[in-house]
Amino acid sequence: MMKTIYIFLIGSLFWSCAEEKKPEEIKEAPKYDKEQSIEMFKGFAEEEKEEIENFIMRHPDWKLQFTETGLYYSVYKPGEGENIQYGQTAVVRYEISGLDGSVYYKSDSLKTESFKVDKADIESGIHQGIKYMNKGSKAKFIIPSHLAHGLIGDMDKIPALASVIYDVELVDIQ
């Protein structure tokens, strides 16, 4: 019996030494040069523009206008007075959603939020679009990712490279 155990132990020792495990190779992420990156982002931009245009075709009643920067906007309820200007404070209510209809954020209907036009650290598309509005007006903005949250989204609810729809009411100008 001892002899059997002894043979088993020696056999196990040789067996375990025979298989040497190699560490897994770590693959490096592909490297992109400037030209490749530019081409890749052009592709993203073209796809995004096509998605936005398809959305607009399904919503012709929005009567959207297009700016040179890529912002689409429609003031669907006119307000009164002069349009808001650089440095003024916009007091707003809003809803932010995706092109698929999912609501990302919504301001409380009883509360408002405010920001200084062209000075606050918010999406550049909002700064552009709000200037088409005056007190009491309501507007919809379709903001492409390069004017919204860009490559990484907001790292919470808005995904990377997402176009967003803002439905904004300019409650007051201060």
N, C-alpha and C. Protein backbone atom coordinates (compact mmCIF):
# COMPACT_ATOMS: atom_id res chain seq x y z
N MET A 1 0.82 -1.18 0.00
CA MET A 1 0.00 0.00 0.00
C MET A 1 0.87 1.26 0.00
N MET A 2 1.92 1.28 0.83
CA MET A 2 2.85 2.40 0.89
C MET A 2 3.52 2.60 -0.46
N LYS A 3 3.82 1.49 -1.09
CA LYS A 3 4.48 1.57 -2.39
C LYS A 3 3.57 2.25 -3.41
N THR A 4 2.28 1.97 -3.38
CA THR A 4 1.31 2.55 -4.30
C THR A 4 1.19 4.06 -4.06
N ILE A 5 1.15 4.45 -2.79
CA ILE A 5 1.05 5.87 -2.47
C ILE A 5 2.31 6.60 -2.93
N TYR A 6 3.46 5.95 -2.69
CA TYR A 6 4.74 6.54 -3.07
C TYR A 6 4.80 6.73 -4.60
N ILE A 7 4.38 5.77 -5.37
CA ILE A 7 4.38 5.85 -6.83
C ILE A 7 3.40 6.95 -7.28
N PHE A 8 2.27 7.01 -6.62
CA PHE A 8 1.27 8.03 -6.96
C PHE A 8 1.82 9.44 -6.72
N LEU A 9 2.49 9.66 -5.59
CA LEU A 9 3.05 10.97 -5.27
C LEU A 9 4.15 11.38 -6.25
N ILE A 10 5.02 10.46 -6.59
CA ILE A 10 6.10 10.77 -7.54
C ILE A 10 5.51 11.04 -8.93
N GLY A 11 4.51 10.26 -9.31
CA GLY A 11 3.85 10.49 -10.60
C GLY A 11 3.17 11.85 -10.65
N SER A 12 2.52 12.23 -9.56
CA SER A 12 1.86 13.54 -9.49
C SER A 12 2.88 14.66 -9.60
N LEU A 13 4.03 14.48 -8.95
CA LEU A 13 5.08 15.49 -8.99
C LEU A 13 5.58 15.69 -10.42
N PHE A 14 5.83 14.60 -11.13
CA PHE A 14 6.29 14.72 -12.52
C PHE A 14 5.20 15.31 -13.42
N TRP A 15 3.99 14.88 -13.19
CA TRP A 15 2.87 15.37 -14.00
C TRP A 15 2.69 16.88 -13.83
N SER A 16 2.74 17.39 -12.61
CA SER A 16 2.54 18.82 -12.37
C SER A 16 3.70 19.64 -12.90
N CYS A 17 4.89 19.10 -12.91
CA CYS A 17 6.05 19.84 -13.42
C CYS A 17 6.09 19.84 -14.94
N ALA A 18 5.43 18.88 -15.56
CA ALA A 18 5.50 18.76 -17.01
C ALA A 18 4.74 19.87 -17.71
N GLU A 19 3.67 20.36 -17.12
CA GLU A 19 2.87 21.40 -17.75
C GLU A 19 3.24 22.77 -17.18
N GLU A 20 3.98 23.49 -17.95
CA GLU A 20 4.34 24.84 -17.52
C GLU A 20 3.38 25.81 -18.19
N LYS A 21 2.67 26.56 -17.39
CA LYS A 21 1.70 27.51 -17.94
C LYS A 21 2.42 28.79 -18.30
N LYS A 22 2.14 29.25 -19.50
CA LYS A 22 2.70 30.51 -19.96
C LYS A 22 1.74 31.64 -19.60
N PRO A 23 2.27 32.76 -19.18
CA PRO A 23 1.37 33.89 -18.89
C PRO A 23 0.71 34.37 -20.18
N GLU A 24 -0.55 34.79 -20.03
CA GLU A 24 -1.27 35.27 -21.21
C GLU A 24 -0.64 36.56 -21.71
N GLU A 25 -0.56 36.63 -23.02
CA GLU A 25 -0.01 37.84 -23.61
C GLU A 25 -1.04 38.96 -23.54
N ILE A 26 -0.56 40.13 -23.19
CA ILE A 26 -1.44 41.30 -23.14
C ILE A 26 -1.39 41.97 -24.50
N LYS A 27 -2.56 42.06 -25.09
CA LYS A 27 -2.63 42.68 -26.41
C LYS A 27 -2.70 44.19 -26.25
N GLU A 28 -1.93 44.87 -27.03
CA GLU A 28 -1.96 46.33 -27.00
C GLU A 28 -3.15 46.84 -27.80
N ALA A 29 -3.71 47.92 -27.33
CA ALA A 29 -4.79 48.56 -28.07
C ALA A 29 -4.23 49.07 -29.39
N PRO A 30 -5.04 49.01 -30.43
CA PRO A 30 -4.54 49.50 -31.71
C PRO A 30 -4.19 50.99 -31.61
N LYS A 31 -3.14 51.35 -32.29
CA LYS A 31 -2.71 52.75 -32.27
C LYS A 31 -3.25 53.42 -33.53
N TYR A 32 -3.80 54.60 -33.33
CA TYR A 32 -4.33 55.37 -34.45
C TYR A 32 -3.51 56.63 -34.61
N ASP A 33 -3.17 56.91 -35.84
CA ASP A 33 -2.50 58.19 -36.07
C ASP A 33 -3.57 59.26 -36.30
N LYS A 34 -3.12 60.47 -36.45
CA LYS A 34 -4.05 61.60 -36.57
C LYS A 34 -5.01 61.42 -37.75
N GLU A 35 -4.48 61.00 -38.89
CA GLU A 35 -5.32 60.84 -40.09
C GLU A 35 -6.38 59.76 -39.88
N GLN A 36 -5.99 58.63 -39.27
CA GLN A 36 -6.96 57.57 -39.02
C GLN A 36 -8.05 58.05 -38.07
N SER A 37 -7.66 58.79 -37.04
CA SER A 37 -8.64 59.32 -36.09
C SER A 37 -9.61 60.27 -36.77
N ILE A 38 -9.08 61.13 -37.62
CA ILE A 38 -9.94 62.08 -38.34
C ILE A 38 -10.94 61.33 -39.20
N GLU A 39 -10.48 60.33 -39.92
CA GLU A 39 -11.37 59.55 -40.79
C GLU A 39 -12.43 58.82 -39.97
N MET A 40 -12.02 58.27 -38.83
CA MET A 40 -12.96 57.55 -37.97
C MET A 40 -14.06 58.51 -37.48
N PHE A 41 -13.68 59.70 -37.04
CA PHE A 41 -14.67 60.65 -36.53
C PHE A 41 -15.53 61.23 -37.64
N LYS A 42 -14.98 61.34 -38.85
CA LYS A 42 -15.82 61.75 -39.98
C LYS A 42 -16.91 60.72 -40.22
N GLY A 43 -16.54 59.45 -40.10
CA GLY A 43 -17.53 58.38 -40.25
C GLY A 43 -18.62 58.46 -39.20
N PHE A 44 -18.22 58.70 -37.94
CA PHE A 44 -19.21 58.87 -36.87
C PHE A 44 -20.13 60.04 -37.18
N ALA A 45 -19.55 61.16 -37.62
CA ALA A 45 -20.34 62.37 -37.89
C ALA A 45 -21.33 62.13 -39.03
N GLU A 46 -20.91 61.41 -40.06
CA GLU A 46 -21.80 61.12 -41.18
C GLU A 46 -22.97 60.24 -40.73
N GLU A 47 -22.67 59.22 -39.93
CA GLU A 47 -23.73 58.34 -39.41
C GLU A 47 -24.70 59.13 -38.54
N GLU A 48 -24.15 59.99 -37.69
CA GLU A 48 -24.99 60.78 -36.79
C GLU A 48 -25.88 61.73 -37.58
N LYS A 49 -25.33 62.37 -38.60
CA LYS A 49 -26.12 63.28 -39.43
C LYS A 49 -27.27 62.53 -40.11
N GLU A 50 -26.98 61.33 -40.58
CA GLU A 50 -28.01 60.51 -41.22
C GLU A 50 -29.11 60.15 -40.22
N GLU A 51 -28.73 59.79 -38.99
CA GLU A 51 -29.72 59.48 -37.95
C GLU A 51 -30.61 60.69 -37.66
N ILE A 52 -29.99 61.86 -37.56
CA ILE A 52 -30.75 63.08 -37.28
C ILE A 52 -31.69 63.39 -38.43
N GLU A 53 -31.21 63.28 -39.66
CA GLU A 53 -32.06 63.55 -40.83
C GLU A 53 -33.22 62.58 -40.91
N ASN A 54 -32.99 61.30 -40.59
CA ASN A 54 -34.09 60.33 -40.56
C ASN A 54 -35.11 60.70 -39.49
N PHE A 55 -34.63 61.14 -38.34
CA PHE A 55 -35.53 61.58 -37.27
C PHE A 55 -36.37 62.76 -37.73
N ILE A 56 -35.74 63.73 -38.37
CA ILE A 56 -36.44 64.93 -38.84
C ILE A 56 -37.50 64.57 -39.88
N MET A 57 -37.20 63.61 -40.76
CA MET A 57 -38.19 63.19 -41.77
C MET A 57 -39.42 62.58 -41.09
N ARG A 58 -39.23 61.95 -39.93
CA ARG A 58 -40.36 61.37 -39.21
C ARG A 58 -41.12 62.42 -38.39
N HIS A 59 -40.57 63.63 -38.27
CA HIS A 59 -41.20 64.70 -37.48
C HIS A 59 -41.25 66.01 -38.28
N PRO A 60 -41.93 66.00 -39.44
CA PRO A 60 -41.95 67.21 -40.27
C PRO A 60 -42.69 68.37 -39.61
N ASP A 61 -43.57 68.08 -38.66
CA ASP A 61 -44.32 69.13 -37.98
C ASP A 61 -43.44 69.99 -37.06
N TRP A 62 -42.22 69.55 -36.79
CA TRP A 62 -41.32 70.33 -35.93
C TRP A 62 -40.77 71.56 -36.65
N LYS A 63 -40.76 71.55 -37.97
CA LYS A 63 -40.29 72.69 -38.77
C LYS A 63 -38.93 73.21 -38.28
N LEU A 64 -37.98 72.31 -38.27
CA LEU A 64 -36.65 72.64 -37.76
C LEU A 64 -35.83 73.45 -38.75
N GLN A 65 -35.02 74.33 -38.21
CA GLN A 65 -34.06 75.09 -39.00
C GLN A 65 -32.67 74.59 -38.63
N PHE A 66 -31.74 74.78 -39.54
CA PHE A 66 -30.39 74.25 -39.39
C PHE A 66 -29.39 75.39 -39.31
N THR A 67 -28.42 75.28 -38.41
CA THR A 67 -27.36 76.28 -38.32
C THR A 67 -26.08 75.72 -38.93
N GLU A 68 -25.12 76.58 -39.20
CA GLU A 68 -23.84 76.15 -39.78
C GLU A 68 -23.07 75.20 -38.87
N THR A 69 -23.30 75.28 -37.57
CA THR A 69 -22.56 74.44 -36.63
C THR A 69 -23.13 73.04 -36.51
N GLY A 70 -24.34 72.82 -37.02
CA GLY A 70 -24.96 71.50 -36.94
C GLY A 70 -26.15 71.43 -36.01
N LEU A 71 -26.48 72.52 -35.34
CA LEU A 71 -27.64 72.58 -34.45
C LEU A 71 -28.92 72.70 -35.28
N TYR A 72 -29.93 71.93 -34.90
CA TYR A 72 -31.27 72.07 -35.47
C TYR A 72 -32.14 72.68 -34.38
N TYR A 73 -33.00 73.64 -34.75
CA TYR A 73 -33.84 74.27 -33.75
C TYR A 73 -35.19 74.65 -34.34
N SER A 74 -36.17 74.72 -33.44
CA SER A 74 -37.51 75.18 -33.81
C SER A 74 -38.13 75.86 -32.60
N VAL A 75 -38.43 77.14 -32.74
CA VAL A 75 -39.16 77.86 -31.69
C VAL A 75 -40.64 77.63 -32.00
N TYR A 76 -41.27 76.73 -31.24
CA TYR A 76 -42.65 76.35 -31.55
C TYR A 76 -43.69 77.15 -30.76
N LYS A 77 -43.26 77.91 -29.77
CA LYS A 77 -44.17 78.82 -29.07
C LYS A 77 -43.43 80.14 -28.89
N PRO A 78 -43.87 81.18 -29.60
CA PRO A 78 -43.18 82.46 -29.47
C PRO A 78 -43.40 83.08 -28.10
N GLY A 79 -42.42 83.87 -27.70
CA GLY A 79 -42.52 84.60 -26.44
C GLY A 79 -42.70 86.07 -26.73
N GLU A 80 -42.17 86.89 -25.84
CA GLU A 80 -42.30 88.34 -26.00
C GLU A 80 -40.97 89.01 -25.72
N GLY A 81 -40.77 90.15 -26.34
CA GLY A 81 -39.57 90.94 -26.09
C GLY A 81 -38.39 90.51 -26.95
N GLU A 82 -37.23 91.02 -26.56
CA GLU A 82 -35.99 90.75 -27.29
C GLU A 82 -35.46 89.35 -26.97
N ASN A 83 -34.71 88.80 -27.92
CA ASN A 83 -34.04 87.53 -27.68
C ASN A 83 -32.98 87.69 -26.60
N ILE A 84 -32.74 86.60 -25.89
CA ILE A 84 -31.73 86.61 -24.85
C ILE A 84 -30.35 86.84 -25.48
N GLN A 85 -29.48 87.50 -24.75
CA GLN A 85 -28.16 87.88 -25.26
C GLN A 85 -27.03 87.31 -24.40
N TYR A 86 -25.84 87.42 -24.94
CA TYR A 86 -24.61 87.04 -24.25
C TYR A 86 -24.57 87.63 -22.84
N GLY A 87 -24.24 86.80 -21.86
CA GLY A 87 -24.06 87.26 -20.49
C GLY A 87 -25.31 87.35 -19.65
N GLN A 88 -26.49 87.34 -20.30
CA GLN A 88 -27.73 87.38 -19.52
C GLN A 88 -27.98 86.01 -18.90
N THR A 89 -28.79 85.98 -17.87
CA THR A 89 -29.12 84.72 -17.21
C THR A 89 -30.43 84.18 -17.77
N ALA A 90 -30.38 82.94 -18.24
CA ALA A 90 -31.56 82.25 -18.75
C ALA A 90 -32.15 81.42 -17.62
N VAL A 91 -33.43 81.61 -17.36
CA VAL A 91 -34.15 80.81 -16.38
C VAL A 91 -35.04 79.87 -17.20
N VAL A 92 -34.80 78.55 -17.07
CA VAL A 92 -35.42 77.59 -17.98
C VAL A 92 -36.05 76.40 -17.26
N ARG A 93 -36.95 75.76 -17.99
CA ARG A 93 -37.41 74.40 -17.71
C ARG A 93 -37.05 73.61 -18.95
N TYR A 94 -36.73 72.34 -18.78
CA TYR A 94 -36.28 71.57 -19.94
C TYR A 94 -36.52 70.08 -19.77
N GLU A 95 -36.44 69.39 -20.90
CA GLU A 95 -36.42 67.94 -20.93
C GLU A 95 -35.36 67.55 -21.94
N ILE A 96 -34.52 66.59 -21.59
CA ILE A 96 -33.47 66.11 -22.49
C ILE A 96 -33.79 64.66 -22.82
N SER A 97 -33.85 64.35 -24.11
CA SER A 97 -34.12 62.98 -24.53
C SER A 97 -33.22 62.61 -25.70
N GLY A 98 -33.24 61.33 -26.02
CA GLY A 98 -32.48 60.84 -27.16
C GLY A 98 -33.37 60.77 -28.39
N LEU A 99 -32.76 60.49 -29.54
CA LEU A 99 -33.53 60.37 -30.78
C LEU A 99 -34.48 59.18 -30.72
N ASP A 100 -34.20 58.23 -29.83
CA ASP A 100 -35.07 57.07 -29.68
C ASP A 100 -36.25 57.33 -28.74
N GLY A 101 -36.33 58.53 -28.18
CA GLY A 101 -37.44 58.90 -27.31
C GLY A 101 -37.18 58.70 -25.83
N SER A 102 -36.07 58.05 -25.47
CA SER A 102 -35.79 57.84 -24.05
C SER A 102 -35.44 59.17 -23.38
N VAL A 103 -36.09 59.44 -22.25
CA VAL A 103 -35.87 60.69 -21.53
C VAL A 103 -34.67 60.50 -20.60
N TYR A 104 -33.68 61.37 -20.76
CA TYR A 104 -32.48 61.31 -19.93
C TYR A 104 -32.63 62.16 -18.67
N TYR A 105 -33.09 63.38 -18.83
CA TYR A 105 -33.24 64.30 -17.71
C TYR A 105 -34.46 65.17 -17.94
N LYS A 106 -35.04 65.62 -16.84
CA LYS A 106 -36.20 66.51 -16.93
C LYS A 106 -36.18 67.41 -15.71
N SER A 107 -36.32 68.71 -15.94
CA SER A 107 -36.37 69.62 -14.80
C SER A 107 -37.71 69.47 -14.10
N ASP A 108 -37.72 69.75 -12.83
CA ASP A 108 -38.94 69.70 -12.03
C ASP A 108 -39.93 70.74 -12.56
N SER A 109 -41.18 70.35 -12.74
CA SER A 109 -42.17 71.28 -13.31
C SER A 109 -42.44 72.48 -12.40
N LEU A 110 -42.15 72.36 -11.13
CA LEU A 110 -42.38 73.47 -10.20
C LEU A 110 -41.14 74.33 -9.99
N LYS A 111 -40.00 73.85 -10.44
CA LYS A 111 -38.75 74.59 -10.24
C LYS A 111 -38.15 74.93 -11.59
N THR A 112 -37.25 75.89 -11.56
CA THR A 112 -36.53 76.26 -12.78
C THR A 112 -35.04 76.13 -12.52
N GLU A 113 -34.28 76.14 -13.60
CA GLU A 113 -32.83 76.15 -13.51
C GLU A 113 -32.34 77.35 -14.29
N SER A 114 -31.16 77.83 -13.95
CA SER A 114 -30.66 79.01 -14.65
C SER A 114 -29.19 78.86 -15.00
N PHE A 115 -28.78 79.61 -16.03
CA PHE A 115 -27.37 79.65 -16.44
C PHE A 115 -27.11 80.95 -17.18
N LYS A 116 -25.87 81.36 -17.19
CA LYS A 116 -25.46 82.57 -17.92
C LYS A 116 -25.13 82.19 -19.36
N VAL A 117 -25.72 82.88 -20.30
CA VAL A 117 -25.54 82.59 -21.72
C VAL A 117 -24.08 82.82 -22.12
N ASP A 118 -23.51 81.82 -22.74
CA ASP A 118 -22.12 81.80 -23.23
C ASP A 118 -21.08 81.85 -22.12
N LYS A 119 -21.49 81.69 -20.88
CA LYS A 119 -20.53 81.70 -19.78
C LYS A 119 -20.60 80.44 -18.93
N ALA A 120 -21.72 79.77 -18.89
CA ALA A 120 -21.89 78.59 -18.05
C ALA A 120 -21.21 77.38 -18.70
N ASP A 121 -20.81 76.44 -17.88
CA ASP A 121 -20.17 75.22 -18.35
C ASP A 121 -21.24 74.18 -18.67
N ILE A 122 -21.95 74.43 -19.76
CA ILE A 122 -22.96 73.49 -20.26
C ILE A 122 -22.72 73.29 -21.75
N GLU A 123 -23.50 72.44 -22.36
CA GLU A 123 -23.33 72.11 -23.76
C GLU A 123 -23.36 73.36 -24.64
N SER A 124 -22.44 73.43 -25.58
CA SER A 124 -22.38 74.60 -26.46
C SER A 124 -23.63 74.72 -27.33
N GLY A 125 -24.27 73.59 -27.63
CA GLY A 125 -25.51 73.62 -28.39
C GLY A 125 -26.63 74.36 -27.68
N ILE A 126 -26.66 74.30 -26.36
CA ILE A 126 -27.66 75.05 -25.59
C ILE A 126 -27.39 76.54 -25.68
N HIS A 127 -26.12 76.92 -25.54
CA HIS A 127 -25.78 78.34 -25.65
C HIS A 127 -26.18 78.89 -27.03
N GLN A 128 -25.97 78.09 -28.07
CA GLN A 128 -26.34 78.54 -29.42
C GLN A 128 -27.86 78.64 -29.57
N GLY A 129 -28.56 77.60 -29.16
CA GLY A 129 -30.00 77.55 -29.37
C GLY A 129 -30.79 78.55 -28.55
N ILE A 130 -30.37 78.79 -27.32
CA ILE A 130 -31.13 79.68 -26.44
C ILE A 130 -31.19 81.09 -27.00
N LYS A 131 -30.21 81.48 -27.82
CA LYS A 131 -30.18 82.83 -28.38
C LYS A 131 -31.26 83.07 -29.44
N TYR A 132 -31.96 82.02 -29.85
CA TYR A 132 -33.09 82.17 -30.77
C TYR A 132 -34.39 82.38 -30.00
N MET A 133 -34.30 82.43 -28.68
CA MET A 133 -35.50 82.48 -27.85
C MET A 133 -35.63 83.82 -27.12
N ASN A 134 -36.87 84.13 -26.76
CA ASN A 134 -37.14 85.29 -25.91
C ASN A 134 -38.02 84.82 -24.75
N LYS A 135 -38.28 85.72 -23.82
CA LYS A 135 -39.01 85.36 -22.60
C LYS A 135 -40.37 84.74 -22.93
N GLY A 136 -40.62 83.56 -22.34
CA GLY A 136 -41.89 82.87 -22.53
C GLY A 136 -41.91 81.92 -23.71
N SER A 137 -40.89 81.92 -24.54
CA SER A 137 -40.90 81.04 -25.72
C SER A 137 -40.52 79.61 -25.34
N LYS A 138 -40.91 78.70 -26.22
CA LYS A 138 -40.56 77.29 -26.08
C LYS A 138 -39.92 76.85 -27.39
N ALA A 139 -38.91 76.00 -27.28
CA ALA A 139 -38.19 75.56 -28.48
C ALA A 139 -37.71 74.13 -28.31
N LYS A 140 -37.48 73.50 -29.44
CA LYS A 140 -36.84 72.19 -29.48
C LYS A 140 -35.51 72.36 -30.19
N PHE A 141 -34.48 71.74 -29.62
CA PHE A 141 -33.15 71.72 -30.23
C PHE A 141 -32.75 70.27 -30.44
N ILE A 142 -32.27 69.95 -31.62
CA ILE A 142 -31.59 68.67 -31.81
C ILE A 142 -30.12 69.01 -31.86
N ILE A 143 -29.40 68.52 -30.87
CA ILE A 143 -28.00 68.88 -30.70
C ILE A 143 -27.13 67.66 -31.00
N PRO A 144 -26.33 67.71 -32.07
CA PRO A 144 -25.43 66.59 -32.36
C PRO A 144 -24.37 66.46 -31.27
N SER A 145 -23.78 65.29 -31.19
CA SER A 145 -22.85 64.99 -30.10
C SER A 145 -21.71 65.99 -29.97
N HIS A 146 -21.21 66.53 -31.10
CA HIS A 146 -20.07 67.45 -31.00
C HIS A 146 -20.46 68.78 -30.35
N LEU A 147 -21.76 69.07 -30.25
CA LEU A 147 -22.23 70.27 -29.55
C LEU A 147 -22.88 69.90 -28.21
N ALA A 148 -22.90 68.61 -27.90
CA ALA A 148 -23.55 68.15 -26.67
C ALA A 148 -22.50 67.54 -25.73
N HIS A 149 -22.54 66.23 -25.58
CA HIS A 149 -21.65 65.57 -24.61
C HIS A 149 -20.51 64.79 -25.26
N GLY A 150 -20.39 64.85 -26.57
CA GLY A 150 -19.22 64.35 -27.27
C GLY A 150 -18.96 62.86 -27.19
N LEU A 151 -17.67 62.54 -27.17
CA LEU A 151 -17.21 61.16 -27.27
C LEU A 151 -17.59 60.28 -26.09
N ILE A 152 -17.72 60.83 -24.91
CA ILE A 152 -17.94 59.98 -23.75
C ILE A 152 -19.32 60.12 -23.11
N GLY A 153 -20.17 60.96 -23.67
CA GLY A 153 -21.47 61.17 -23.05
C GLY A 153 -21.31 61.95 -21.75
N ASP A 154 -22.30 61.88 -20.90
CA ASP A 154 -22.17 62.59 -19.61
C ASP A 154 -21.73 61.65 -18.50
N MET A 155 -21.38 60.43 -18.86
CA MET A 155 -20.91 59.39 -17.93
C MET A 155 -21.98 59.04 -16.89
N ASP A 156 -23.24 59.28 -17.25
CA ASP A 156 -24.35 58.90 -16.39
C ASP A 156 -25.47 58.35 -17.27
N LYS A 157 -26.33 59.20 -17.78
CA LYS A 157 -27.48 58.73 -18.56
C LYS A 157 -27.32 58.92 -20.06
N ILE A 158 -26.59 59.93 -20.47
CA ILE A 158 -26.44 60.21 -21.91
C ILE A 158 -25.27 59.41 -22.44
N PRO A 159 -25.52 58.54 -23.43
CA PRO A 159 -24.45 57.69 -23.94
C PRO A 159 -23.42 58.45 -24.78
N ALA A 160 -22.31 57.78 -25.04
CA ALA A 160 -21.25 58.34 -25.87
C ALA A 160 -21.77 58.60 -27.28
N LEU A 161 -21.27 59.66 -27.89
CA LEU A 161 -21.60 60.02 -29.27
C LEU A 161 -23.11 60.12 -29.53
N ALA A 162 -23.85 60.60 -28.55
CA ALA A 162 -25.31 60.67 -28.67
C ALA A 162 -25.77 62.07 -29.05
N SER A 163 -26.65 62.12 -30.04
CA SER A 163 -27.39 63.35 -30.32
C SER A 163 -28.47 63.45 -29.27
N VAL A 164 -28.76 64.66 -28.82
CA VAL A 164 -29.80 64.84 -27.81
C VAL A 164 -30.84 65.85 -28.27
N ILE A 165 -32.04 65.69 -27.77
CA ILE A 165 -33.13 66.62 -28.05
C ILE A 165 -33.43 67.36 -26.76
N TYR A 166 -33.39 68.66 -26.84
CA TYR A 166 -33.77 69.51 -25.72
C TYR A 166 -35.11 70.14 -26.05
N ASP A 167 -36.05 70.03 -25.14
CA ASP A 167 -37.29 70.77 -25.21
C ASP A 167 -37.18 71.81 -24.10
N VAL A 168 -37.06 73.09 -24.48
CA VAL A 168 -36.72 74.15 -23.53
C VAL A 168 -37.82 75.20 -23.48
N GLU A 169 -38.13 75.64 -22.28
CA GLU A 169 -38.98 76.80 -22.07
C GLU A 169 -38.13 77.87 -21.41
N LEU A 170 -38.04 79.04 -22.03
CA LEU A 170 -37.31 80.16 -21.44
C LEU A 170 -38.29 80.94 -20.57
N VAL A 171 -38.28 80.64 -19.29
CA VAL A 171 -39.24 81.19 -18.34
C VAL A 171 -38.98 82.67 -18.08
N ASP A 172 -37.71 83.03 -17.95
CA ASP A 172 -37.37 84.42 -17.63
C ASP A 172 -35.96 84.73 -18.12
N ILE A 173 -35.70 86.01 -18.29
CA ILE A 173 -34.36 86.52 -18.64
C ILE A 173 -33.97 87.50 -17.55
N GLN A 174 -32.81 87.31 -16.98
CA GLN A 174 -32.34 88.22 -15.93
C GLN A 174 -31.02 88.84 -16.31
